């Protein structure tokens, strides 16, 4: 007699997986990723190792899922801005940058906890996966904004999609360098003025890609800079 194939309840699967992510996120913030063990997660949930490995094949996979959920939330938070037909494209793009910064600021403890381990060699694959995921999610969204800007006569570009790809790549580079500068600021090895110069250089690069005049775009406002680097 053959056994019936096991069916998985998608809703229950999602709820249980989210529970693991909630606990892992809290432990990463309170203990740090390196100090956190899989057993810590299991103890919090009173779950078995078998249950854990049903959703994640390693501690690193758990971190990857936490970071992916964080990124998904940031992108989802941009939806109201991106879907606003009354907002000009340039202001919409600034709102995207501000929205990402605000999302991170509201979750600063988690961002700092992840930053401690994010640039280690062991997380190189996770970083690359997240970069590719970000490109897949953000390029279509920014492509629509760039296309709107071309229609409005605000942006001077030939291909909105290719331009969006370049913008996302630049945004990732900006975030990587900002993370490095944050660490260096904490160590006292660079000045706040050096941070401002870096932001100014990236802002000019964004303006150049979009074909807008110098001073048209705000990449990061002063209060946000002081929050992270002041």
N, C-alpha and C. Protein backbone atom coordinates (compact mmCIF):
# COMPACT_ATOMS: atom_id res chain seq x y z
N UNK A 1 0.85 -1.20 0.00
CA UNK A 1 0.00 0.00 0.00
C UNK A 1 0.89 1.25 0.00
N UNK A 2 0.66 2.12 -0.95
CA UNK A 2 1.48 3.34 -1.04
C UNK A 2 0.88 4.45 -0.18
N UNK A 3 1.77 5.26 0.38
CA UNK A 3 1.31 6.37 1.21
C UNK A 3 0.93 7.55 0.33
N UNK A 4 0.00 8.34 0.82
CA UNK A 4 -0.43 9.52 0.09
C UNK A 4 0.66 10.59 0.16
N UNK A 5 0.88 11.33 -0.92
CA UNK A 5 1.88 12.41 -0.87
C UNK A 5 1.48 13.47 0.15
N UNK A 6 2.48 13.97 0.84
CA UNK A 6 2.23 14.97 1.87
C UNK A 6 1.92 16.32 1.23
N UNK A 7 0.85 16.93 1.66
CA UNK A 7 0.49 18.25 1.14
C UNK A 7 0.92 19.33 2.13
N UNK A 8 1.27 20.47 1.60
CA UNK A 8 1.72 21.59 2.43
C UNK A 8 0.69 22.70 2.37
N UNK A 9 0.27 23.16 3.52
CA UNK A 9 -0.65 24.29 3.61
C UNK A 9 0.17 25.57 3.41
N UNK A 10 -0.01 26.27 2.27
CA UNK A 10 0.82 27.45 1.99
C UNK A 10 0.73 28.53 3.07
N UNK A 11 -0.48 28.73 3.58
CA UNK A 11 -0.67 29.77 4.60
C UNK A 11 0.07 29.40 5.88
N UNK A 12 -0.08 28.15 6.31
CA UNK A 12 0.59 27.70 7.53
C UNK A 12 2.11 27.72 7.35
N UNK A 13 2.56 27.33 6.18
CA UNK A 13 4.00 27.34 5.88
C UNK A 13 4.56 28.75 6.02
N UNK A 14 3.84 29.73 5.45
CA UNK A 14 4.29 31.12 5.50
C UNK A 14 4.30 31.64 6.93
N UNK A 15 3.26 31.33 7.69
CA UNK A 15 3.16 31.80 9.07
C UNK A 15 4.32 31.26 9.91
N UNK A 16 4.61 29.97 9.76
CA UNK A 16 5.69 29.37 10.54
C UNK A 16 7.06 29.90 10.12
N UNK A 17 7.23 30.08 8.82
CA UNK A 17 8.50 30.61 8.33
C UNK A 17 8.71 32.04 8.84
N UNK A 18 7.63 32.84 8.83
CA UNK A 18 7.72 34.21 9.33
C UNK A 18 8.06 34.23 10.82
N UNK A 19 7.57 33.25 11.56
CA UNK A 19 7.88 33.18 12.99
C UNK A 19 9.38 32.97 13.20
N UNK A 20 9.98 32.12 12.40
CA UNK A 20 11.43 31.93 12.47
C UNK A 20 12.16 33.23 12.15
N UNK A 21 11.69 33.94 11.13
CA UNK A 21 12.34 35.19 10.73
C UNK A 21 12.19 36.26 11.80
N UNK A 22 11.01 36.33 12.44
CA UNK A 22 10.79 37.32 13.49
C UNK A 22 11.77 37.11 14.65
N UNK A 23 11.91 35.85 15.06
CA UNK A 23 12.81 35.54 16.17
C UNK A 23 14.26 35.80 15.77
N UNK A 24 14.63 35.37 14.58
CA UNK A 24 16.01 35.57 14.11
C UNK A 24 16.34 37.05 14.04
N UNK A 25 15.41 37.85 13.54
CA UNK A 25 15.65 39.29 13.44
C UNK A 25 15.85 39.89 14.82
N UNK A 26 15.02 39.49 15.77
CA UNK A 26 15.15 40.02 17.12
C UNK A 26 16.49 39.62 17.76
N UNK A 27 16.90 38.38 17.54
CA UNK A 27 18.16 37.90 18.11
C UNK A 27 19.37 38.55 17.44
N UNK A 28 19.28 38.78 16.14
CA UNK A 28 20.37 39.47 15.44
C UNK A 28 20.55 40.87 16.03
N UNK A 29 19.43 41.52 16.34
CA UNK A 29 19.48 42.87 16.90
C UNK A 29 20.00 42.87 18.33
N UNK A 30 19.62 41.87 19.13
CA UNK A 30 19.95 41.88 20.55
C UNK A 30 21.27 41.17 20.87
N UNK A 31 21.55 40.06 20.18
CA UNK A 31 22.76 39.29 20.46
C UNK A 31 23.85 39.49 19.42
N UNK A 32 23.43 39.82 18.20
CA UNK A 32 24.37 39.86 17.08
C UNK A 32 24.34 38.54 16.34
N UNK A 33 24.58 38.59 15.05
CA UNK A 33 24.48 37.39 14.22
C UNK A 33 25.48 36.32 14.63
N UNK A 34 26.73 36.72 14.89
CA UNK A 34 27.76 35.75 15.22
C UNK A 34 27.45 35.03 16.53
N UNK A 35 26.91 35.76 17.51
CA UNK A 35 26.61 35.15 18.81
C UNK A 35 25.33 34.32 18.78
N UNK A 36 24.46 34.62 17.86
CA UNK A 36 23.20 33.88 17.75
C UNK A 36 23.46 32.48 17.19
N UNK A 37 22.81 31.49 17.78
CA UNK A 37 22.91 30.12 17.28
C UNK A 37 21.54 29.65 16.80
N UNK A 38 21.54 28.61 16.00
CA UNK A 38 20.27 28.02 15.58
C UNK A 38 19.49 27.55 16.80
N UNK A 39 20.22 27.03 17.80
CA UNK A 39 19.56 26.56 19.01
C UNK A 39 18.84 27.69 19.73
N UNK A 40 19.41 28.89 19.70
CA UNK A 40 18.74 30.06 20.31
C UNK A 40 17.37 30.28 19.66
N UNK A 41 17.34 30.17 18.35
CA UNK A 41 16.08 30.35 17.61
C UNK A 41 15.09 29.26 17.99
N UNK A 42 15.59 28.02 18.05
CA UNK A 42 14.72 26.89 18.39
C UNK A 42 14.17 27.03 19.80
N UNK A 43 15.01 27.48 20.73
CA UNK A 43 14.57 27.64 22.12
C UNK A 43 13.47 28.68 22.23
N UNK A 44 13.61 29.78 21.50
CA UNK A 44 12.59 30.84 21.53
C UNK A 44 11.25 30.33 21.04
N UNK A 45 11.29 29.50 20.00
CA UNK A 45 10.05 29.02 19.38
C UNK A 45 9.60 27.67 19.92
N UNK A 46 10.45 27.07 20.77
CA UNK A 46 10.18 25.71 21.25
C UNK A 46 9.95 24.78 20.06
N UNK A 47 10.84 24.90 19.09
CA UNK A 47 10.74 24.12 17.85
C UNK A 47 11.89 23.13 17.76
N UNK A 48 11.74 22.16 16.88
CA UNK A 48 12.76 21.14 16.69
C UNK A 48 13.71 21.55 15.56
N UNK A 49 14.87 20.89 15.52
CA UNK A 49 15.81 21.15 14.43
C UNK A 49 15.20 20.76 13.10
N UNK A 50 14.40 19.70 13.12
CA UNK A 50 13.74 19.27 11.90
C UNK A 50 12.84 20.36 11.34
N UNK A 51 12.15 21.06 12.25
CA UNK A 51 11.27 22.15 11.82
C UNK A 51 12.09 23.28 11.20
N UNK A 52 13.22 23.59 11.83
CA UNK A 52 14.08 24.65 11.29
C UNK A 52 14.56 24.31 9.88
N UNK A 53 15.07 23.10 9.73
CA UNK A 53 15.65 22.71 8.43
C UNK A 53 14.58 22.46 7.37
N UNK A 54 13.34 22.46 7.77
CA UNK A 54 12.25 22.41 6.80
C UNK A 54 12.17 23.72 6.02
N UNK A 55 12.60 24.82 6.67
CA UNK A 55 12.51 26.14 6.05
C UNK A 55 13.86 26.69 5.61
N UNK A 56 14.91 26.36 6.34
CA UNK A 56 16.24 26.93 6.06
C UNK A 56 17.28 25.83 6.16
N UNK A 57 18.24 25.84 5.24
CA UNK A 57 19.24 24.78 5.27
C UNK A 57 20.49 25.15 6.06
N UNK A 58 20.55 26.38 6.58
CA UNK A 58 21.71 26.79 7.37
C UNK A 58 21.40 28.10 8.09
N UNK A 59 22.28 28.46 9.01
CA UNK A 59 22.17 29.74 9.70
C UNK A 59 22.34 30.89 8.71
N UNK A 60 23.23 30.72 7.74
CA UNK A 60 23.44 31.74 6.72
C UNK A 60 22.20 31.94 5.87
N UNK A 61 21.50 30.83 5.56
CA UNK A 61 20.26 30.92 4.79
C UNK A 61 19.20 31.70 5.57
N UNK A 62 19.23 31.55 6.90
CA UNK A 62 18.30 32.30 7.75
C UNK A 62 18.60 33.79 7.67
N UNK A 63 19.89 34.16 7.73
CA UNK A 63 20.27 35.56 7.60
C UNK A 63 19.85 36.10 6.24
N UNK A 64 20.06 35.31 5.20
CA UNK A 64 19.67 35.73 3.85
C UNK A 64 18.18 36.03 3.79
N UNK A 65 17.38 35.18 4.42
CA UNK A 65 15.93 35.37 4.41
C UNK A 65 15.53 36.63 5.18
N UNK A 66 16.21 36.89 6.30
CA UNK A 66 15.94 38.10 7.09
C UNK A 66 16.24 39.35 6.25
N UNK A 67 17.37 39.33 5.57
CA UNK A 67 17.77 40.48 4.75
C UNK A 67 16.84 40.65 3.56
N UNK A 68 16.45 39.54 2.93
CA UNK A 68 15.53 39.62 1.79
C UNK A 68 14.18 40.20 2.22
N UNK A 69 13.70 39.78 3.39
CA UNK A 69 12.43 40.32 3.88
C UNK A 69 12.56 41.81 4.16
N UNK A 70 13.70 42.21 4.69
CA UNK A 70 13.96 43.63 4.94
C UNK A 70 13.91 44.42 3.63
N UNK A 71 14.59 43.89 2.61
CA UNK A 71 14.63 44.57 1.31
C UNK A 71 13.24 44.60 0.67
N UNK A 72 12.51 43.51 0.78
CA UNK A 72 11.15 43.46 0.23
C UNK A 72 10.27 44.52 0.88
N UNK A 73 10.42 44.67 2.20
CA UNK A 73 9.63 45.66 2.91
C UNK A 73 9.95 47.07 2.47
N UNK A 74 11.24 47.34 2.25
CA UNK A 74 11.66 48.67 1.80
C UNK A 74 11.08 48.99 0.43
N UNK A 75 11.11 48.01 -0.47
CA UNK A 75 10.58 48.22 -1.82
C UNK A 75 9.07 48.39 -1.79
N UNK A 76 8.40 47.58 -0.96
CA UNK A 76 6.94 47.68 -0.85
C UNK A 76 6.52 49.04 -0.30
N UNK A 77 7.34 49.60 0.58
CA UNK A 77 7.02 50.91 1.16
C UNK A 77 7.07 52.03 0.13
N UNK A 78 7.74 51.77 -0.99
CA UNK A 78 7.84 52.79 -2.04
C UNK A 78 6.62 52.82 -2.95
N UNK A 79 5.77 51.79 -2.87
CA UNK A 79 4.65 51.65 -3.80
C UNK A 79 3.74 52.89 -3.86
N UNK A 80 3.34 53.48 -2.72
CA UNK A 80 2.46 54.66 -2.80
C UNK A 80 3.07 55.81 -3.59
N UNK A 81 4.36 56.03 -3.42
CA UNK A 81 5.05 57.10 -4.15
C UNK A 81 5.12 56.78 -5.63
N UNK A 82 5.55 55.57 -5.93
CA UNK A 82 5.73 55.18 -7.33
C UNK A 82 4.41 55.16 -8.09
N UNK A 83 3.33 54.91 -7.37
CA UNK A 83 2.02 54.84 -8.02
C UNK A 83 1.27 56.14 -8.06
N UNK A 84 1.88 57.22 -7.59
CA UNK A 84 1.21 58.53 -7.55
C UNK A 84 1.33 59.21 -8.91
N UNK A 85 0.24 59.29 -9.68
CA UNK A 85 0.31 59.88 -11.03
C UNK A 85 0.50 61.39 -11.01
N UNK A 86 0.22 62.02 -9.88
CA UNK A 86 0.32 63.49 -9.82
C UNK A 86 1.73 63.97 -9.47
N UNK A 87 2.58 63.07 -9.01
CA UNK A 87 3.92 63.49 -8.59
C UNK A 87 4.88 63.52 -9.77
N UNK A 88 5.58 64.65 -9.99
CA UNK A 88 6.56 64.72 -11.08
C UNK A 88 7.67 63.68 -10.89
N UNK A 89 8.25 63.25 -11.99
CA UNK A 89 9.23 62.16 -11.95
C UNK A 89 10.45 62.48 -11.08
N UNK A 90 10.95 63.70 -11.17
CA UNK A 90 12.13 64.06 -10.40
C UNK A 90 11.85 63.99 -8.91
N UNK A 91 10.69 64.53 -8.49
CA UNK A 91 10.33 64.45 -7.08
C UNK A 91 10.06 63.01 -6.66
N UNK A 92 9.51 62.24 -7.58
CA UNK A 92 9.24 60.83 -7.31
C UNK A 92 10.54 60.07 -7.05
N UNK A 93 11.55 60.37 -7.86
CA UNK A 93 12.85 59.72 -7.69
C UNK A 93 13.48 60.12 -6.36
N UNK A 94 13.37 61.40 -6.01
CA UNK A 94 13.88 61.84 -4.71
C UNK A 94 13.14 61.15 -3.57
N UNK A 95 11.83 60.95 -3.75
CA UNK A 95 11.03 60.29 -2.72
C UNK A 95 11.43 58.83 -2.56
N UNK A 96 11.86 58.21 -3.66
CA UNK A 96 12.36 56.83 -3.59
C UNK A 96 13.62 56.79 -2.73
N UNK A 97 14.56 57.69 -3.01
CA UNK A 97 15.80 57.75 -2.22
C UNK A 97 15.48 58.03 -0.75
N UNK A 98 14.60 59.00 -0.52
CA UNK A 98 14.25 59.36 0.86
C UNK A 98 13.51 58.22 1.55
N UNK A 99 12.67 57.51 0.80
CA UNK A 99 11.91 56.40 1.37
C UNK A 99 12.81 55.27 1.82
N UNK A 100 13.82 54.95 1.02
CA UNK A 100 14.77 53.90 1.39
C UNK A 100 15.53 54.32 2.65
N UNK A 101 15.97 55.58 2.68
CA UNK A 101 16.71 56.09 3.83
C UNK A 101 15.84 56.08 5.09
N UNK A 102 14.57 56.47 4.94
CA UNK A 102 13.65 56.49 6.08
C UNK A 102 13.39 55.08 6.60
N UNK A 103 13.21 54.14 5.67
CA UNK A 103 12.97 52.74 6.05
C UNK A 103 14.13 52.20 6.88
N UNK A 104 15.34 52.51 6.46
CA UNK A 104 16.52 52.05 7.19
C UNK A 104 16.64 52.75 8.55
N UNK A 105 16.35 54.05 8.56
CA UNK A 105 16.45 54.81 9.81
C UNK A 105 15.48 54.30 10.86
N UNK A 106 14.30 53.90 10.43
CA UNK A 106 13.28 53.38 11.35
C UNK A 106 13.66 52.01 11.89
N UNK A 107 14.63 51.37 11.24
CA UNK A 107 15.09 50.04 11.66
C UNK A 107 16.60 50.06 11.86
N UNK A 108 17.06 51.13 12.45
CA UNK A 108 18.51 51.36 12.55
C UNK A 108 19.22 50.24 13.30
N UNK A 109 18.62 49.74 14.38
CA UNK A 109 19.26 48.68 15.16
C UNK A 109 19.50 47.44 14.31
N UNK A 110 18.51 47.07 13.51
CA UNK A 110 18.66 45.90 12.65
C UNK A 110 19.72 46.15 11.58
N UNK A 111 19.69 47.33 10.98
CA UNK A 111 20.68 47.67 9.95
C UNK A 111 22.10 47.58 10.51
N UNK A 112 22.31 48.12 11.71
CA UNK A 112 23.64 48.10 12.31
C UNK A 112 24.06 46.68 12.67
N UNK A 113 23.10 45.88 13.15
CA UNK A 113 23.41 44.49 13.50
C UNK A 113 23.82 43.69 12.27
N UNK A 114 23.12 43.90 11.16
CA UNK A 114 23.45 43.20 9.92
C UNK A 114 24.78 43.69 9.37
N UNK A 115 25.02 44.99 9.50
CA UNK A 115 26.24 45.59 8.97
C UNK A 115 27.49 44.98 9.58
N UNK A 116 27.38 44.54 10.84
CA UNK A 116 28.53 43.96 11.53
C UNK A 116 29.08 42.73 10.81
N UNK A 117 28.20 41.97 10.17
CA UNK A 117 28.63 40.72 9.53
C UNK A 117 28.47 40.75 8.02
N UNK A 118 27.82 41.77 7.50
CA UNK A 118 27.41 41.78 6.10
C UNK A 118 28.58 41.72 5.13
N UNK A 119 29.67 42.39 5.46
CA UNK A 119 30.80 42.47 4.53
C UNK A 119 31.84 41.37 4.72
N UNK A 120 31.55 40.39 5.55
CA UNK A 120 32.49 39.29 5.73
C UNK A 120 32.54 38.42 4.48
N UNK A 121 33.67 37.74 4.28
CA UNK A 121 33.82 36.87 3.10
C UNK A 121 32.77 35.77 3.08
N UNK A 122 32.38 35.31 4.26
CA UNK A 122 31.41 34.22 4.33
C UNK A 122 30.03 34.59 3.81
N UNK A 123 29.75 35.89 3.74
CA UNK A 123 28.44 36.34 3.26
C UNK A 123 28.49 36.90 1.84
N UNK A 124 29.58 36.63 1.13
CA UNK A 124 29.73 37.15 -0.24
C UNK A 124 28.60 36.66 -1.14
N UNK A 125 28.25 35.38 -1.03
CA UNK A 125 27.19 34.82 -1.87
C UNK A 125 25.84 35.44 -1.53
N UNK A 126 25.58 35.64 -0.24
CA UNK A 126 24.33 36.26 0.19
C UNK A 126 24.24 37.68 -0.35
N UNK A 127 25.34 38.41 -0.28
CA UNK A 127 25.36 39.79 -0.79
C UNK A 127 25.05 39.81 -2.29
N UNK A 128 25.66 38.90 -3.02
CA UNK A 128 25.45 38.88 -4.47
C UNK A 128 24.00 38.52 -4.80
N UNK A 129 23.43 37.58 -4.06
CA UNK A 129 22.02 37.21 -4.28
C UNK A 129 21.11 38.40 -4.03
N UNK A 130 21.40 39.15 -2.97
CA UNK A 130 20.57 40.31 -2.65
C UNK A 130 20.72 41.38 -3.72
N UNK A 131 21.93 41.58 -4.22
CA UNK A 131 22.15 42.58 -5.26
C UNK A 131 21.33 42.24 -6.50
N UNK A 132 21.35 40.97 -6.88
CA UNK A 132 20.61 40.56 -8.07
C UNK A 132 19.10 40.68 -7.86
N UNK A 133 18.66 40.34 -6.65
CA UNK A 133 17.24 40.47 -6.33
C UNK A 133 16.82 41.94 -6.40
N UNK A 134 17.66 42.82 -5.87
CA UNK A 134 17.36 44.25 -5.88
C UNK A 134 17.26 44.77 -7.30
N UNK A 135 18.16 44.32 -8.17
CA UNK A 135 18.10 44.73 -9.57
C UNK A 135 16.79 44.28 -10.20
N UNK A 136 16.41 43.04 -9.97
CA UNK A 136 15.16 42.51 -10.56
C UNK A 136 13.94 43.29 -10.09
N UNK A 137 13.94 43.69 -8.82
CA UNK A 137 12.76 44.37 -8.26
C UNK A 137 12.74 45.86 -8.59
N UNK A 138 13.90 46.50 -8.51
CA UNK A 138 13.93 47.96 -8.62
C UNK A 138 13.98 48.48 -10.05
N UNK A 139 14.66 47.76 -10.93
CA UNK A 139 14.82 48.27 -12.30
C UNK A 139 13.48 48.55 -12.98
N UNK A 140 12.51 47.63 -12.95
CA UNK A 140 11.22 47.94 -13.58
C UNK A 140 10.53 49.15 -12.96
N UNK A 141 10.65 49.30 -11.64
CA UNK A 141 10.01 50.42 -10.95
C UNK A 141 10.65 51.75 -11.35
N UNK A 142 11.98 51.79 -11.33
CA UNK A 142 12.66 53.03 -11.70
C UNK A 142 12.57 53.30 -13.19
N UNK A 143 12.47 52.25 -13.99
CA UNK A 143 12.31 52.43 -15.43
C UNK A 143 11.03 53.21 -15.74
N UNK A 144 9.97 52.89 -15.00
CA UNK A 144 8.70 53.60 -15.19
C UNK A 144 8.83 55.07 -14.79
N UNK A 145 9.59 55.34 -13.72
CA UNK A 145 9.80 56.72 -13.28
C UNK A 145 10.61 57.49 -14.32
N UNK A 146 11.66 56.86 -14.84
CA UNK A 146 12.50 57.52 -15.85
C UNK A 146 11.69 57.79 -17.11
N UNK A 147 10.87 56.81 -17.50
CA UNK A 147 10.03 57.00 -18.69
C UNK A 147 9.07 58.16 -18.49
N UNK A 148 8.52 58.28 -17.29
CA UNK A 148 7.64 59.41 -16.98
C UNK A 148 8.42 60.72 -17.10
N UNK A 149 9.65 60.72 -16.58
CA UNK A 149 10.48 61.93 -16.65
C UNK A 149 10.80 62.34 -18.07
N UNK A 150 10.98 61.36 -18.94
CA UNK A 150 11.23 61.66 -20.36
C UNK A 150 10.00 62.29 -20.98
N UNK A 151 8.82 61.74 -20.66
CA UNK A 151 7.56 62.31 -21.19
C UNK A 151 7.36 63.74 -20.71
N UNK A 152 7.76 64.00 -19.47
CA UNK A 152 7.60 65.34 -18.90
C UNK A 152 8.65 66.32 -19.42
N UNK A 153 9.67 65.78 -20.09
CA UNK A 153 10.75 66.64 -20.56
C UNK A 153 11.78 66.95 -19.50
N UNK A 154 11.70 66.24 -18.36
CA UNK A 154 12.62 66.50 -17.25
C UNK A 154 13.93 65.74 -17.40
N UNK A 155 13.86 64.50 -17.94
CA UNK A 155 15.05 63.67 -18.10
C UNK A 155 15.42 63.57 -19.57
N UNK A 156 16.70 63.60 -19.84
CA UNK A 156 17.18 63.46 -21.22
C UNK A 156 18.00 62.17 -21.32
N UNK A 157 17.30 61.08 -21.60
CA UNK A 157 17.95 59.77 -21.74
C UNK A 157 17.37 59.07 -22.96
N UNK A 158 18.11 58.12 -23.51
CA UNK A 158 17.65 57.40 -24.70
C UNK A 158 16.83 56.17 -24.34
N UNK A 159 17.25 55.47 -23.30
CA UNK A 159 16.58 54.22 -22.93
C UNK A 159 16.25 54.23 -21.45
N UNK A 160 14.97 54.41 -21.08
CA UNK A 160 14.59 54.41 -19.67
C UNK A 160 15.01 53.14 -18.93
N UNK A 161 14.86 51.98 -19.58
CA UNK A 161 15.20 50.72 -18.90
C UNK A 161 16.70 50.62 -18.63
N UNK A 162 17.50 50.94 -19.65
CA UNK A 162 18.96 50.89 -19.45
C UNK A 162 19.40 51.92 -18.41
N UNK A 163 18.77 53.09 -18.45
CA UNK A 163 19.10 54.13 -17.48
C UNK A 163 18.74 53.67 -16.07
N UNK A 164 17.59 53.01 -15.93
CA UNK A 164 17.18 52.49 -14.62
C UNK A 164 18.17 51.46 -14.10
N UNK A 165 18.69 50.63 -15.00
CA UNK A 165 19.69 49.63 -14.60
C UNK A 165 20.94 50.31 -14.06
N UNK A 166 21.36 51.38 -14.75
CA UNK A 166 22.53 52.14 -14.30
C UNK A 166 22.24 52.80 -12.95
N UNK A 167 21.05 53.37 -12.78
CA UNK A 167 20.69 54.03 -11.53
C UNK A 167 20.72 53.05 -10.36
N UNK A 168 20.18 51.85 -10.56
CA UNK A 168 20.17 50.85 -9.49
C UNK A 168 21.60 50.44 -9.14
N UNK A 169 22.43 50.26 -10.16
CA UNK A 169 23.83 49.92 -9.92
C UNK A 169 24.54 51.01 -9.13
N UNK A 170 24.27 52.26 -9.49
CA UNK A 170 24.87 53.38 -8.77
C UNK A 170 24.34 53.45 -7.34
N UNK A 171 23.06 53.19 -7.17
CA UNK A 171 22.46 53.23 -5.84
C UNK A 171 23.08 52.16 -4.94
N UNK A 172 23.31 50.98 -5.50
CA UNK A 172 23.96 49.92 -4.73
C UNK A 172 25.39 50.31 -4.36
N UNK A 173 26.10 50.91 -5.32
CA UNK A 173 27.45 51.38 -5.03
C UNK A 173 27.46 52.45 -3.95
N UNK A 174 26.48 53.35 -4.02
CA UNK A 174 26.35 54.40 -3.01
C UNK A 174 26.11 53.80 -1.63
N UNK A 175 25.22 52.82 -1.55
CA UNK A 175 24.91 52.21 -0.26
C UNK A 175 26.11 51.43 0.29
N UNK A 176 26.85 50.76 -0.59
CA UNK A 176 28.05 50.04 -0.16
C UNK A 176 29.08 51.01 0.42
N UNK A 177 29.30 52.11 -0.29
CA UNK A 177 30.29 53.08 0.17
C UNK A 177 29.82 53.79 1.44
N UNK A 178 28.51 54.04 1.52
CA UNK A 178 27.96 54.67 2.73
C UNK A 178 28.18 53.77 3.95
N UNK A 179 28.02 52.46 3.76
CA UNK A 179 28.25 51.51 4.85
C UNK A 179 29.72 51.55 5.28
N UNK A 180 30.61 51.60 4.31
CA UNK A 180 32.05 51.67 4.61
C UNK A 180 32.38 52.97 5.34
N UNK A 181 31.79 54.07 4.88
CA UNK A 181 32.03 55.36 5.52
C UNK A 181 31.47 55.39 6.94
N UNK A 182 30.34 54.71 7.15
CA UNK A 182 29.76 54.67 8.50
C UNK A 182 30.75 54.01 9.46
N UNK A 183 31.31 52.88 9.03
CA UNK A 183 32.28 52.17 9.87
C UNK A 183 33.49 53.05 10.15
N UNK A 184 33.96 53.74 9.12
CA UNK A 184 35.13 54.60 9.28
C UNK A 184 34.83 55.81 10.16
N UNK A 185 33.59 56.31 10.09
CA UNK A 185 33.20 57.43 10.96
C UNK A 185 33.16 56.97 12.41
N UNK A 186 32.66 55.75 12.63
CA UNK A 186 32.62 55.21 14.00
C UNK A 186 34.03 55.07 14.56
N UNK A 187 34.97 54.76 13.68
CA UNK A 187 36.36 54.60 14.11
C UNK A 187 37.09 55.94 14.19
N UNK A 188 36.44 57.01 13.71
CA UNK A 188 37.04 58.33 13.74
C UNK A 188 38.11 58.56 12.70
N UNK A 189 38.11 57.74 11.64
CA UNK A 189 39.17 57.84 10.63
C UNK A 189 38.81 58.75 9.46
N UNK A 190 37.54 59.18 9.37
CA UNK A 190 37.16 60.15 8.35
C UNK A 190 36.28 61.22 8.99
N UNK A 191 36.17 62.35 8.32
CA UNK A 191 35.39 63.47 8.83
C UNK A 191 33.98 63.46 8.23
N UNK A 192 33.11 64.22 8.88
CA UNK A 192 31.75 64.38 8.35
C UNK A 192 31.80 65.08 7.00
N UNK A 193 32.73 65.98 6.82
CA UNK A 193 32.88 66.68 5.54
C UNK A 193 33.23 65.70 4.42
N UNK A 194 34.01 64.68 4.73
CA UNK A 194 34.35 63.67 3.72
C UNK A 194 33.11 62.91 3.28
N UNK A 195 32.23 62.64 4.23
CA UNK A 195 30.96 61.97 3.91
C UNK A 195 30.13 62.86 2.99
N UNK A 196 30.04 64.14 3.32
CA UNK A 196 29.26 65.07 2.50
C UNK A 196 29.82 65.16 1.08
N UNK A 197 31.14 65.12 0.95
CA UNK A 197 31.74 65.17 -0.39
C UNK A 197 31.40 63.92 -1.20
N UNK A 198 31.39 62.78 -0.53
CA UNK A 198 31.03 61.54 -1.21
C UNK A 198 29.59 61.59 -1.70
N UNK A 199 28.68 62.06 -0.84
CA UNK A 199 27.27 62.16 -1.22
C UNK A 199 27.11 63.14 -2.37
N UNK A 200 27.82 64.25 -2.32
CA UNK A 200 27.76 65.25 -3.38
C UNK A 200 28.23 64.68 -4.71
N UNK A 201 29.29 63.88 -4.67
CA UNK A 201 29.82 63.28 -5.90
C UNK A 201 28.81 62.32 -6.51
N UNK A 202 28.17 61.51 -5.67
CA UNK A 202 27.16 60.58 -6.18
C UNK A 202 25.95 61.33 -6.72
N UNK A 203 25.57 62.41 -6.03
CA UNK A 203 24.43 63.20 -6.49
C UNK A 203 24.69 63.77 -7.88
N UNK A 204 25.88 64.30 -8.08
CA UNK A 204 26.24 64.83 -9.40
C UNK A 204 26.23 63.73 -10.46
N UNK A 205 26.66 62.53 -10.08
CA UNK A 205 26.67 61.41 -11.03
C UNK A 205 25.24 61.03 -11.42
N UNK A 206 24.34 60.99 -10.45
CA UNK A 206 22.93 60.70 -10.75
C UNK A 206 22.35 61.77 -11.68
N UNK A 207 22.65 63.02 -11.40
CA UNK A 207 22.14 64.11 -12.24
C UNK A 207 22.67 64.00 -13.66
N UNK A 208 23.92 63.61 -13.78
CA UNK A 208 24.53 63.47 -15.10
C UNK A 208 23.86 62.36 -15.90
N UNK A 209 23.60 61.23 -15.26
CA UNK A 209 22.96 60.10 -15.93
C UNK A 209 21.56 60.48 -16.41
N UNK A 210 20.84 61.25 -15.59
CA UNK A 210 19.47 61.63 -15.93
C UNK A 210 19.40 62.82 -16.88
N UNK A 211 20.51 63.51 -17.05
CA UNK A 211 20.52 64.66 -17.95
C UNK A 211 19.84 65.87 -17.36
N UNK A 212 19.91 66.02 -16.02
CA UNK A 212 19.31 67.19 -15.38
C UNK A 212 20.42 68.11 -14.91
N UNK A 213 20.07 69.35 -14.65
CA UNK A 213 21.08 70.34 -14.27
C UNK A 213 21.60 70.09 -12.86
N UNK A 214 22.79 70.56 -12.61
CA UNK A 214 23.43 70.41 -11.31
C UNK A 214 22.59 71.11 -10.23
N UNK A 215 22.35 70.41 -9.12
CA UNK A 215 21.55 70.97 -8.04
C UNK A 215 20.07 70.64 -8.13
N UNK A 216 19.68 69.86 -9.16
CA UNK A 216 18.27 69.52 -9.34
C UNK A 216 17.80 68.41 -8.41
N UNK A 217 18.75 67.56 -7.97
CA UNK A 217 18.39 66.34 -7.26
C UNK A 217 18.97 66.33 -5.85
N UNK A 218 18.18 65.83 -4.90
CA UNK A 218 18.66 65.60 -3.54
C UNK A 218 18.71 64.10 -3.31
N UNK A 219 19.92 63.58 -3.14
CA UNK A 219 20.08 62.14 -2.93
C UNK A 219 19.84 61.77 -1.47
N UNK A 220 20.41 62.56 -0.57
CA UNK A 220 20.24 62.35 0.87
C UNK A 220 20.22 63.71 1.55
N UNK A 221 19.22 63.94 2.41
CA UNK A 221 19.14 65.26 3.05
C UNK A 221 20.06 65.34 4.27
N UNK A 222 20.25 66.55 4.74
CA UNK A 222 21.17 66.82 5.85
C UNK A 222 20.79 66.09 7.14
N UNK A 223 19.50 66.09 7.55
CA UNK A 223 19.15 65.37 8.78
C UNK A 223 19.49 63.88 8.72
N UNK A 224 19.30 63.26 7.55
CA UNK A 224 19.63 61.84 7.42
C UNK A 224 21.13 61.62 7.55
N UNK A 225 21.91 62.50 6.96
CA UNK A 225 23.37 62.40 7.08
C UNK A 225 23.81 62.51 8.53
N UNK A 226 23.21 63.45 9.26
CA UNK A 226 23.58 63.62 10.67
C UNK A 226 23.13 62.42 11.50
N UNK A 227 22.01 61.81 11.15
CA UNK A 227 21.52 60.64 11.88
C UNK A 227 22.53 59.51 11.85
N UNK A 228 23.13 59.30 10.68
CA UNK A 228 24.04 58.17 10.50
C UNK A 228 25.51 58.53 10.69
N UNK A 229 25.88 59.75 10.33
CA UNK A 229 27.31 60.07 10.29
C UNK A 229 27.72 61.23 11.20
N UNK A 230 26.73 61.92 11.78
CA UNK A 230 27.04 63.11 12.57
C UNK A 230 27.77 62.80 13.87
